[in-house]
Amino acid sequence: MPGNNSHKVALVIGASRGIGRQIAIDLARAGYIVVIAAKSITDESKPYTFPPDPNSARSTITTVAREITEAGGTVLAIPADVRSEASINSLIQATLSEFSKIDVVIYNSGAIYWSAIDTTPTSRFRLLQQINPEGLYITLQAIIPAFKKQGIGRVVVVCPPIYSRFFRGKTAYAVGKVGMSVMVKGLAMDWERQGEKGLGVCGIWPAAAIQSGATGRVDPEQLRHATIFSDAIIAMINAPVEIINGLLDTDEDFLRKHEGITDFSKYSLVPGTVPRRIMPAEFPDLTVAEQDDEGDRIDNAKERVAKL
């Protein structure tokens, strides 16, 4: 596998199938040591089909690890549940114990349920928040100390640019996903204020629908291969911190602006088709004229320490 990243370690959380699988495979192809995490594993003591359909439940971190290994890459598969703080802490510590560092974290875990508020059960709302924003928050809490000790590190989160149309018809889902986008923005600001010049966090979202288990009912002519997403992520983690820190962008837009790609036809699932763009051509600017005016900064964590 070509690449000059043989000593870099990338952790992909949510790597069992679809987009996450493709990200892991392409990072390994680019020369990264890849650690893949998800809940699903394959019982290798029983017969199973290999390679499985990459967008089905038969694709697990076990089969993805085998794909990477047989292609000559270096991979470690660790089962993990993003709803559990203990599980994520164990994942981070196991990775650091094995490789002594983590250069990149990709948070791809996600739960999907698109419906109006009155037709979304509270139990489903809670699950969406547990896996999407809470799982990300737990992951960030676990990785930040290691990143600060290293002085370098990148986080790429699968979350959207923030705009109002995204809320329509899927409010419960949007609450979590936009919450993840807020974390990207907030953490980027924290790192800038703290002078962490080697740390960067950004968010990425598909400009057009991508083939995965979640898009199985979509017209194939409206789909792209997941390689566009992994190509964009690799470009993001290779870009300077000042370009990506706090950025919320789409795969197509980042590749166009920063990699000079203008022809995206190779990514079409059905050759010769042009999948419909599902994201706006432009997104609102979330900054305000008083962006740098915080007044008296309040830090409850410091107040608590002072009281103790």
Protein backbone atom coordinates (compact mmCIF):
# COMPACT_ATOMS: atom_id res chain seq x y z
CA MET A 1 0.00 0.00 0.00
CA PRO A 2 1.55 3.32 -1.06
CA GLY A 3 1.96 6.32 1.21
CA ASN A 4 4.39 8.05 3.54
CA ASN A 5 2.29 7.82 6.70
CA SER A 6 3.68 4.51 7.99
CA HIS A 7 4.23 5.88 11.49
CA LYS A 8 0.89 7.69 11.78
CA VAL A 9 -1.98 6.11 13.68
CA ALA A 10 -5.60 6.75 12.70
CA LEU A 11 -8.51 5.67 14.87
CA VAL A 12 -11.81 5.24 13.00
CA ILE A 13 -14.82 4.93 15.29
CA GLY A 14 -17.78 3.46 13.42
CA ALA A 15 -15.76 1.48 10.88
CA SER A 16 -17.74 -1.71 10.42
CA ARG A 17 -19.47 -0.96 7.12
CA GLY A 18 -20.35 1.64 4.50
CA ILE A 19 -18.58 4.98 4.76
CA GLY A 20 -16.63 4.03 7.89
CA ARG A 21 -15.25 0.89 6.26
CA GLN A 22 -14.14 2.86 3.20
CA ILE A 23 -12.43 5.49 5.35
CA ALA A 24 -10.49 2.77 7.20
CA ILE A 25 -9.48 0.96 4.02
CA ASP A 26 -8.33 4.14 2.28
CA LEU A 27 -6.39 5.36 5.31
CA ALA A 28 -4.58 2.02 5.38
CA ARG A 29 -3.94 2.30 1.65
CA ALA A 30 -2.44 5.74 2.31
CA GLY A 31 0.00 4.14 4.73
CA TYR A 32 -1.64 4.79 8.09
CA ILE A 33 -1.71 2.26 10.90
CA VAL A 34 -5.47 1.95 11.36
CA VAL A 35 -7.40 1.13 14.51
CA ILE A 36 -11.02 0.35 13.78
CA ALA A 37 -13.80 0.34 16.34
CA ALA A 38 -17.50 -0.53 16.37
CA LYS A 39 -19.85 -2.84 18.25
CA SER A 40 -20.20 -5.47 15.54
CA ILE A 41 -17.75 -8.35 15.22
CA THR A 42 -17.79 -11.65 13.35
CA ASP A 43 -17.54 -15.01 15.12
CA GLU A 44 -14.60 -16.47 13.22
CA SER A 45 -15.15 -19.88 14.75
CA LYS A 46 -18.17 -20.23 12.46
CA PRO A 47 -18.23 -20.20 8.63
CA TYR A 48 -18.87 -16.77 7.11
CA THR A 49 -18.85 -15.23 3.66
CA PHE A 50 -15.80 -13.15 2.79
CA PRO A 51 -15.72 -10.51 1.60
CA PRO A 52 -19.24 -9.63 2.71
CA ASP A 53 -21.49 -6.96 1.21
CA PRO A 54 -19.69 -3.84 2.56
CA ASN A 55 -23.00 -2.08 3.21
CA SER A 56 -24.66 -4.93 5.11
CA ALA A 57 -24.65 -6.11 8.71
CA ARG A 58 -22.37 -8.96 7.63
CA SER A 59 -19.57 -6.40 7.32
CA THR A 60 -17.98 -5.96 10.75
CA ILE A 61 -14.71 -4.68 12.14
CA THR A 62 -13.53 -8.30 11.93
CA THR A 63 -14.07 -8.49 8.18
CA VAL A 64 -12.79 -4.95 7.58
CA ALA A 65 -9.60 -5.80 9.48
CA ARG A 66 -9.19 -8.90 7.32
CA GLU A 67 -9.66 -6.82 4.16
CA ILE A 68 -6.97 -4.40 5.26
CA THR A 69 -4.57 -7.13 6.38
CA GLU A 70 -4.93 -9.12 3.15
CA ALA A 71 -4.17 -5.94 1.20
CA GLY A 72 -0.94 -5.47 3.14
CA GLY A 73 -2.02 -2.87 5.66
CA THR A 74 -1.58 -2.67 9.43
CA VAL A 75 -4.80 -2.73 11.43
CA LEU A 76 -6.10 -3.39 14.92
CA ALA A 77 -9.81 -4.06 15.50
CA ILE A 78 -11.22 -3.20 18.94
CA PRO A 79 -14.91 -3.65 19.79
CA ALA A 80 -16.34 -0.51 21.40
CA ASP A 81 -19.69 1.01 22.32
CA VAL A 82 -19.79 4.82 22.06
CA ARG A 83 -22.63 4.92 24.59
CA SER A 84 -20.21 3.73 27.27
CA GLU A 85 -17.59 6.08 28.70
CA ALA A 86 -15.67 3.07 30.04
CA SER A 87 -15.67 1.42 26.62
CA ILE A 88 -14.34 4.53 24.85
CA ASN A 89 -11.71 5.16 27.52
CA SER A 90 -10.60 1.55 27.14
CA LEU A 91 -10.44 1.96 23.35
CA ILE A 92 -8.23 5.05 23.59
CA GLN A 93 -5.96 3.50 26.20
CA ALA A 94 -5.63 0.23 24.27
CA THR A 95 -4.65 2.17 21.14
CA LEU A 96 -2.09 4.26 23.03
CA SER A 97 -0.69 1.16 24.73
CA GLU A 98 -0.24 -0.58 21.39
CA PHE A 99 1.09 2.32 19.30
CA SER A 100 2.13 5.01 21.85
CA LYS A 101 0.17 7.73 20.04
CA ILE A 102 -2.91 8.60 18.02
CA ASP A 103 -2.51 11.10 15.20
CA VAL A 104 -6.06 11.14 13.82
CA VAL A 105 -9.52 10.33 15.17
CA ILE A 106 -12.45 9.94 12.77
CA TYR A 107 -15.84 9.91 14.52
CA ASN A 108 -18.21 8.19 12.11
CA SER A 109 -20.54 6.43 14.57
CA GLY A 110 -24.11 7.48 14.08
CA ALA A 111 -27.74 6.54 14.60
CA ILE A 112 -30.39 7.64 12.10
CA TYR A 113 -34.12 8.20 12.51
CA TRP A 114 -35.80 10.76 10.28
CA SER A 115 -39.31 11.80 11.24
CA ALA A 116 -41.29 14.68 12.74
CA ILE A 117 -41.24 15.32 16.48
CA ASP A 118 -44.72 13.90 17.03
CA THR A 119 -43.78 10.64 15.28
CA THR A 120 -40.35 10.22 16.90
CA PRO A 121 -40.61 8.28 20.19
CA THR A 122 -38.72 9.64 23.16
CA SER A 123 -36.79 6.38 23.37
CA ARG A 124 -35.54 6.92 19.82
CA PHE A 125 -34.65 10.55 20.59
CA ARG A 126 -32.54 9.40 23.53
CA LEU A 127 -30.74 6.78 21.45
CA LEU A 128 -29.93 9.38 18.78
CA GLN A 129 -28.40 11.67 21.38
CA GLN A 130 -26.47 8.86 23.08
CA ILE A 131 -24.75 7.70 19.91
CA ASN A 132 -24.37 10.99 18.07
CA PRO A 133 -23.46 13.98 20.32
CA GLU A 134 -22.88 12.13 23.60
CA GLY A 135 -20.68 9.50 21.96
CA LEU A 136 -18.63 12.23 20.32
CA TYR A 137 -18.34 14.18 23.58
CA ILE A 138 -17.09 11.07 25.41
CA THR A 139 -14.57 10.47 22.63
CA LEU A 140 -13.29 14.05 22.75
CA GLN A 141 -12.94 13.91 26.53
CA ALA A 142 -10.91 10.72 26.17
CA ILE A 143 -8.59 11.86 23.37
CA ILE A 144 -7.89 15.52 24.26
CA PRO A 145 -5.38 14.78 27.06
CA ALA A 146 -3.34 12.56 24.72
CA PHE A 147 -3.48 15.14 21.93
CA LYS A 148 -2.33 17.92 24.24
CA LYS A 149 0.53 15.77 25.51
CA GLN A 150 1.58 15.02 21.92
CA GLY A 151 1.11 18.59 20.73
CA ILE A 152 -0.40 17.29 17.49
CA GLY A 153 -3.68 15.66 16.52
CA ARG A 154 -6.64 15.89 14.19
CA VAL A 155 -10.29 15.05 14.73
CA VAL A 156 -12.71 14.69 11.83
CA VAL A 157 -16.39 14.40 12.72
CA VAL A 158 -19.18 13.29 10.42
CA CYS A 159 -21.52 16.23 11.03
CA PRO A 160 -23.10 18.90 8.80
CA PRO A 161 -22.64 22.58 8.13
CA ILE A 162 -25.34 24.38 10.14
CA TYR A 163 -28.34 25.68 8.21
CA SER A 164 -32.09 25.74 8.88
CA ARG A 165 -33.32 23.38 6.13
CA PHE A 166 -31.43 20.54 7.79
CA PHE A 167 -33.91 20.57 10.70
CA ARG A 168 -36.98 19.93 8.54
CA GLY A 169 -38.65 16.52 8.91
CA LYS A 170 -35.88 15.10 11.13
CA THR A 171 -35.68 17.39 14.13
CA ALA A 172 -34.65 14.74 16.67
CA TYR A 173 -31.82 13.63 14.41
CA ALA A 174 -30.82 17.21 13.63
CA VAL A 175 -30.60 18.10 17.33
CA GLY A 176 -27.81 15.58 17.74
CA LYS A 177 -26.00 16.13 14.47
CA VAL A 178 -26.01 19.92 14.76
CA GLY A 179 -24.91 19.46 18.38
CA MET A 180 -21.88 17.63 17.00
CA SER A 181 -21.24 20.56 14.65
CA VAL A 182 -21.38 22.92 17.64
CA MET A 183 -18.76 20.77 19.37
CA VAL A 184 -16.49 21.11 16.33
CA LYS A 185 -16.82 24.90 16.40
CA GLY A 186 -16.47 25.14 20.18
CA LEU A 187 -13.47 22.84 20.47
CA ALA A 188 -11.72 24.69 17.65
CA MET A 189 -12.21 27.96 19.53
CA ASP A 190 -10.94 26.38 22.76
CA TRP A 191 -7.78 25.14 21.06
CA GLU A 192 -7.15 28.51 19.43
CA ARG A 193 -7.58 30.32 22.75
CA GLN A 194 -5.30 27.82 24.49
CA GLY A 195 -2.60 28.23 21.84
CA GLU A 196 -2.76 24.60 20.68
CA LYS A 197 -1.36 25.24 17.22
CA GLY A 198 -0.87 21.56 16.39
CA LEU A 199 -4.45 20.50 17.10
CA GLY A 200 -7.32 20.73 14.64
CA VAL A 201 -10.93 19.59 14.47
CA CYS A 202 -13.37 19.76 11.56
CA GLY A 203 -16.67 18.36 10.34
CA ILE A 204 -17.58 16.78 7.02
CA TRP A 205 -20.86 15.90 5.32
CA PRO A 206 -21.77 14.46 1.91
CA ALA A 207 -22.70 16.99 -0.78
CA ALA A 208 -24.57 14.23 -2.62
CA ALA A 209 -25.92 10.98 -1.19
CA ILE A 210 -23.37 8.19 -0.76
CA GLN A 211 -23.97 4.48 -1.16
CA SER A 212 -24.30 2.89 2.29
CA GLY A 213 -26.71 0.86 4.36
CA ALA A 214 -28.60 4.08 5.11
CA THR A 215 -29.19 4.87 1.41
CA GLY A 216 -30.27 1.41 0.26
CA ARG A 217 -33.65 2.68 -0.97
CA VAL A 218 -32.24 5.64 -2.90
CA ASP A 219 -32.14 5.54 -6.72
CA PRO A 220 -28.58 4.34 -7.57
CA GLU A 221 -28.31 7.15 -10.13
CA GLN A 222 -28.47 9.59 -7.22
CA LEU A 223 -25.59 7.99 -5.32
CA ARG A 224 -21.84 8.36 -5.17
CA HIS A 225 -19.16 5.90 -4.10
CA ALA A 226 -17.93 6.31 -0.51
CA THR A 227 -14.44 6.98 -1.88
CA ILE A 228 -15.33 10.66 -2.31
CA PHE A 229 -15.79 10.89 1.44
CA SER A 230 -12.56 9.12 2.32
CA ASP A 231 -10.65 11.17 -0.26
CA ALA A 232 -11.95 14.36 1.32
CA ILE A 233 -11.11 13.19 4.85
CA ILE A 234 -7.55 12.32 3.87
CA ALA A 235 -7.23 15.76 2.26
CA MET A 236 -8.54 17.37 5.45
CA ILE A 237 -6.11 15.63 7.77
CA ASN A 238 -3.24 16.53 5.43
CA ALA A 239 -4.26 20.22 5.24
CA PRO A 240 -2.72 22.87 7.55
CA VAL A 241 -4.45 23.29 10.91
CA GLU A 242 -5.38 26.89 10.12
CA ILE A 243 -7.43 25.72 7.12
CA ILE A 244 -9.46 23.00 8.80
CA ASN A 245 -9.76 23.97 12.47
CA GLY A 246 -13.44 24.68 13.12
CA LEU A 247 -14.38 24.02 9.49
CA LEU A 248 -17.75 22.46 8.65
CA ASP A 249 -17.72 21.48 4.98
CA THR A 250 -18.89 18.92 2.44
CA ASP A 251 -16.72 16.34 0.72
CA GLU A 252 -17.21 17.83 -2.75
CA ASP A 253 -16.67 21.42 -1.68
CA PHE A 254 -13.47 20.70 0.22
CA LEU A 255 -12.00 18.70 -2.65
CA ARG A 256 -12.91 21.46 -5.08
CA LYS A 257 -11.53 24.33 -2.98
CA HIS A 258 -8.43 22.69 -1.58
CA GLU A 259 -7.52 19.87 -3.97
CA GLY A 260 -8.51 21.58 -7.23
CA ILE A 261 -10.90 18.79 -8.29
CA THR A 262 -13.57 19.91 -10.74
CA ASP A 263 -14.62 16.61 -12.30
CA PHE A 264 -16.44 14.36 -9.83
CA SER A 265 -17.75 11.87 -12.38
CA LYS A 266 -15.50 9.05 -11.14
CA TYR A 267 -17.41 9.04 -7.87
CA SER A 268 -20.84 8.43 -9.46
CA LEU A 269 -22.18 5.01 -8.53
CA VAL A 270 -23.76 4.70 -11.96
CA PRO A 271 -21.26 5.82 -14.63
CA GLY A 272 -22.41 8.79 -16.68
CA THR A 273 -24.90 10.05 -14.11
CA VAL A 274 -24.73 13.25 -12.07
CA PRO A 275 -26.19 12.64 -8.58
CA ARG A 276 -28.37 15.41 -7.22
CA ARG A 277 -26.67 17.64 -4.67
CA ILE A 278 -28.52 17.28 -1.36
CA MET A 279 -26.73 20.15 0.36
CA PRO A 280 -27.05 23.90 -0.35
CA ALA A 281 -24.53 25.52 -2.68
CA GLU A 282 -23.70 28.07 0.04
CA PHE A 283 -24.04 27.99 3.81
CA PRO A 284 -24.76 30.82 6.26
CA ASP A 285 -21.87 32.55 8.02
CA LEU A 286 -22.34 31.91 11.73
CA THR A 287 -20.00 34.67 12.88
CA VAL A 288 -21.21 38.03 14.22
CA ALA A 289 -19.69 41.50 14.34
CA GLU A 290 -19.04 41.04 18.08
CA GLN A 291 -17.32 37.68 17.52
CA ASP A 292 -14.30 38.54 19.67
CA ASP A 293 -16.19 40.34 22.44
CA GLU A 294 -16.78 37.82 25.24
CA GLY A 295 -17.06 40.21 28.14
CA ASP A 296 -15.94 38.59 31.40
CA ARG A 297 -15.22 34.96 30.61
CA ILE A 298 -16.83 32.54 33.07
CA ASP A 299 -15.20 29.13 33.60
CA ASN A 300 -17.18 27.02 36.06
CA ALA A 301 -14.50 24.32 36.10
CA LYS A 302 -11.96 26.81 37.46
CA GLU A 303 -14.51 28.18 39.93
CA ARG A 304 -15.11 24.68 41.24
CA VAL A 305 -11.39 24.02 41.69
CA ALA A 306 -10.99 27.34 43.52
CA LYS A 307 -13.80 26.45 45.94
CA LEU A 308 -12.26 23.06 46.65
